[in-house]
Every structure is written in C-alpha cells, then in structure tokens.
C-alpha atoms as a PDB file:
ATOM      1  CA  MET A   1       0.006  -0.007   0.010  1.00  0.00           C
ATOM      2  CA  ASP A   2       1.397   3.388  -1.032  1.00  0.00           C
ATOM      3  CA  ALA A   3       1.146   5.871   1.865  1.00  0.00           C
ATOM      4  CA  LEU A   4       1.308   8.877  -0.412  1.00  0.00           C
ATOM      5  CA  THR A   5      -1.654   7.569  -2.427  1.00  0.00           C
ATOM      6  CA  VAL A   6      -3.631   7.072   0.786  1.00  0.00           C
ATOM      7  CA  LEU A   7      -2.832  10.627   1.915  1.00  0.00           C
ATOM      8  CA  ALA A   8      -3.692  12.143  -1.497  1.00  0.00           C
ATOM      9  CA  LEU A   9      -7.005  10.296  -1.641  1.00  0.00           C
ATOM     10  CA  ALA A  10      -7.800  11.224   1.963  1.00  0.00           C
ATOM     11  CA  ALA A  11      -7.600  14.850   0.866  1.00  0.00           C
ATOM     12  CA  PHE A  12      -9.777  14.046  -2.136  1.00  0.00           C
ATOM     13  CA  GLY A  13     -12.352  12.287   0.093  1.00  0.00           C
ATOM     14  CA  SER A  14     -12.435  15.282   2.364  1.00  0.00           C
ATOM     15  CA  THR A  15     -12.951  17.599  -0.616  1.00  0.00           C
ATOM     16  CA  ALA A  16     -15.700  15.383  -2.014  1.00  0.00           C
ATOM     17  CA  TYR A  17     -17.519  15.429   1.349  1.00  0.00           C
ATOM     18  CA  LEU A  18     -17.293  19.232   1.764  1.00  0.00           C
ATOM     19  CA  THR A  19     -18.342  19.863  -1.812  1.00  0.00           C
ATOM     20  CA  THR A  20     -21.331  17.569  -1.522  1.00  0.00           C
ATOM     21  CA  LEU A  21     -22.360  19.108   1.804  1.00  0.00           C
ATOM     22  CA  SER A  22     -22.232  22.628   0.348  1.00  0.00           C
ATOM     23  CA  THR A  23     -24.108  21.602  -2.789  1.00  0.00           C
ATOM     24  CA  VAL A  24     -26.894  19.911  -0.847  1.00  0.00           C
ATOM     25  CA  LYS A  25     -27.255  22.885   1.509  1.00  0.00           C
ATOM     26  CA  TRP A  26     -27.528  25.178  -1.519  1.00  0.00           C
ATOM     27  CA  LEU A  27     -30.038  22.884  -3.230  1.00  0.00           C
ATOM     28  CA  ASN A  28     -32.209  22.813  -0.127  1.00  0.00           C
ATOM     29  CA  GLN A  29     -32.725  26.568  -0.575  1.00  0.00           C
ATOM     30  CA  GLN A  30     -33.877  26.223  -4.190  1.00  0.00           C
ATOM     31  CA  ALA A  31     -37.336  25.623  -5.640  1.00  0.00           C
ATOM     32  CA  SER A  32     -38.709  22.107  -5.383  1.00  0.00           C
ATOM     33  CA  ARG A  33     -38.169  21.179  -9.039  1.00  0.00           C
ATOM     34  CA  THR A  34     -34.550  22.459  -9.033  1.00  0.00           C
ATOM     35  CA  LYS A  35     -33.880  20.724  -5.713  1.00  0.00           C
ATOM     36  CA  ILE A  36     -35.051  17.333  -6.942  1.00  0.00           C
ATOM     37  CA  ALA A  37     -33.127  17.520 -10.203  1.00  0.00           C
ATOM     38  CA  GLY A  38     -29.993  18.745  -8.399  1.00  0.00           C
ATOM     39  CA  LEU A  39     -30.161  15.965  -5.795  1.00  0.00           C
ATOM     40  CA  VAL A  40     -30.552  13.349  -8.536  1.00  0.00           C
ATOM     41  CA  VAL A  41     -27.463  14.705 -10.307  1.00  0.00           C
ATOM     42  CA  VAL A  42     -25.467  14.865  -7.059  1.00  0.00           C
ATOM     43  CA  GLY A  43     -26.475  11.239  -6.356  1.00  0.00           C
ATOM     44  CA  MET A  44     -25.417  10.121  -9.829  1.00  0.00           C
ATOM     45  CA  VAL A  45     -22.052  11.868  -9.533  1.00  0.00           C
ATOM     46  CA  LEU A  46     -21.420  10.319  -6.127  1.00  0.00           C
ATOM     47  CA  CYS A  47     -22.323   6.833  -7.388  1.00  0.00           C
ATOM     48  CA  ALA A  48     -19.958   7.230 -10.367  1.00  0.00           C
ATOM     49  CA  LEU A  49     -17.222   8.539  -8.074  1.00  0.00           C
ATOM     50  CA  ILE A  50     -17.590   5.735  -5.557  1.00  0.00           C
ATOM     51  CA  GLY A  51     -17.765   3.122  -8.338  1.00  0.00           C
ATOM     52  CA  THR A  52     -14.607   4.465  -9.923  1.00  0.00           C
ATOM     53  CA  ILE A  53     -12.795   4.507  -6.579  1.00  0.00           C
ATOM     54  CA  GLY A  54     -14.073   1.027  -5.705  1.00  0.00           C
ATOM     55  CA  ASN A  55     -12.586  -0.271  -8.946  1.00  0.00           C
ATOM     56  CA  ALA A  56      -9.165   1.194  -8.122  1.00  0.00           C
ATOM     57  CA  SER A  57      -6.428  -0.210  -5.917  1.00  0.00           C
ATOM     58  CA  GLU A  58      -6.803  -0.938  -2.221  1.00  0.00           C
ATOM     59  CA  SER A  59      -4.756   2.111  -1.117  1.00  0.00           C
ATOM     60  CA  VAL A  60      -7.035   4.407  -3.158  1.00  0.00           C
ATOM     61  CA  VAL A  61     -10.136   3.023  -1.486  1.00  0.00           C
ATOM     62  CA  ILE A  62      -8.630   3.229   2.008  1.00  0.00           C
ATOM     63  CA  GLY A  63      -7.481   6.818   1.473  1.00  0.00           C
ATOM     64  CA  PHE A  64     -10.852   7.971   0.199  1.00  0.00           C
ATOM     65  CA  ILE A  65     -12.704   6.317   3.083  1.00  0.00           C
ATOM     66  CA  VAL A  66     -10.283   7.803   5.626  1.00  0.00           C
ATOM     67  CA  GLY A  67     -10.671  11.303   4.207  1.00  0.00           C
ATOM     68  CA  ALA A  68     -14.469  11.111   3.965  1.00  0.00           C
ATOM     69  CA  GLY A  69     -14.722   9.527   7.436  1.00  0.00           C
ATOM     70  CA  ILE A  70     -12.514  12.001   9.268  1.00  0.00           C
ATOM     71  CA  THR A  71     -13.833  15.182   7.671  1.00  0.00           C
ATOM     72  CA  PRO A  72     -17.390  15.358   9.190  1.00  0.00           C
ATOM     73  CA  PRO A  73     -16.332  15.396  12.879  1.00  0.00           C
ATOM     74  CA  VAL A  74     -13.430  17.771  12.192  1.00  0.00           C
ATOM     75  CA  HIS A  75     -15.694  20.058  10.209  1.00  0.00           C
ATOM     76  CA  ARG A  76     -18.243  20.134  13.045  1.00  0.00           C
ATOM     77  CA  TRP A  77     -15.438  20.863  15.555  1.00  0.00           C
ATOM     78  CA  ILE A  78     -14.137  23.772  13.432  1.00  0.00           C
ATOM     79  CA  LEU A  79     -17.651  25.264  13.165  1.00  0.00           C
ATOM     80  CA  ARG A  80     -18.159  25.065  16.943  1.00  0.00           C
ATOM     81  CA  ARG A  81     -14.837  26.639  17.998  1.00  0.00           C
ATOM     82  CA  PRO A  82     -15.206  30.050  19.622  1.00  0.00           C
ATOM     83  CA  ARG A  83     -13.832  32.724  17.345  1.00  0.00           C
ATOM     84  CA  PRO A  84     -11.621  35.491  18.689  1.00  0.00           C
ATOM     85  CA  VAL A  85     -13.049  38.972  18.497  1.00  0.00           C
ATOM     86  CA  ALA A  86     -11.107  41.137  16.021  1.00  0.00           C
ATOM     87  CA  GLY A  87      -9.338  44.190  17.381  1.00  0.00           C
ATOM     88  CA  HIS A  88      -8.860  43.042  20.975  1.00  0.00           C
END
C-alpha cells in the first residue's frame, strides 16, 4: 500500500464530502423542481465517483474512506470553535 496515495485520496475524500455538503445545503434553498433535479445529479455523480474509486487499488479506497470519514467530525469541531473577536 502506497502511503502517499492514501494521503492524497484522503484529501480528495475530504474535498468530496465538503463539496457535496455545500451543494446539498444550496439545493435545499432552491425551488422544489430544481432541488429534486439537483439531488438526482449529485447522487449520480457520487455513485460514479464511488464506483470508480471502488474499482481502483486498495490504497485508493482506504485513502478515500479515511478522508471522507475524518472530515465530518473535524468540520463540526471547526464550526463550533469560539472565534476570537477582532481588534482586541
């Protein structure tokens, strides 16, 4: 297993998660017809992405799963952190 491949795909899995999250949040604010069509497209893209990754080597799959698995709790933690007040 190539550690560099795992690390690179972990970053890709993290990016895929954050992009999907942002897209779905944006689609939820749209009209019903746009929301449904957009969610179908997002689902199709995710299925194709996961199918392609599943067909790749073991290190690629492990890296993608690690990145997508670690990102949600880290993202929630970042959003909950108290932010320093500017100028003090």
